[in-house]
Amino acid sequence: MNRGTVVITGGAGFLGSHLCDYYISRDWKVIAI
C-alpha cells in the first residue's frame, strides 16, 4: 500500500538520489524533478 507521494527536486544529484532510494524503499511514491 502506498504511504503517500513526495516530490524531490534534484533527484539526479547525490543527496536527491539517496532521498529517492530512501522513500522508495519505504513504499512512497516518488516524483523526481
Protein backbone atom coordinates (compact mmCIF):
# COMPACT_ATOMS: atom_id res chain seq x y z
CA MET A 1 0.00 0.00 0.00
CA ASN A 2 1.29 3.42 -0.96
CA ARG A 3 2.04 5.67 2.03
CA GLY A 4 1.96 8.93 0.11
CA THR A 5 3.69 10.99 -2.52
CA VAL A 6 6.87 13.01 -2.16
CA VAL A 7 8.39 15.44 -4.69
CA ILE A 8 12.19 15.64 -4.68
CA THR A 9 13.93 18.41 -6.61
CA GLY A 10 17.40 17.47 -7.79
CA GLY A 11 16.59 13.76 -7.86
CA ALA A 12 19.58 13.03 -10.11
CA GLY A 13 22.12 14.53 -7.70
CA PHE A 14 23.94 12.88 -4.82
CA LEU A 15 21.55 13.78 -2.00
CA GLY A 16 18.44 13.64 -4.17
CA SER A 17 19.18 10.13 -5.40
CA HIS A 18 19.70 8.90 -1.85
CA LEU A 19 16.43 10.52 -0.77
CA CYS A 20 14.68 8.79 -3.68
CA ASP A 21 16.11 5.42 -2.62
CA TYR A 22 15.06 6.07 0.99
CA TYR A 23 11.45 6.87 0.16
CA ILE A 24 11.06 4.15 -2.49
CA SER A 25 12.29 1.53 -0.03
CA ARG A 26 9.61 2.69 2.42
CA ASP A 27 6.83 2.35 -0.18
CA TRP A 28 6.34 6.04 -1.00
CA LYS A 29 5.56 7.28 -4.50
CA VAL A 30 8.48 9.49 -5.58
CA ILE A 31 8.34 12.26 -8.17
CA ALA A 32 11.85 13.46 -9.00
CA ILE A 33 12.39 16.78 -10.76
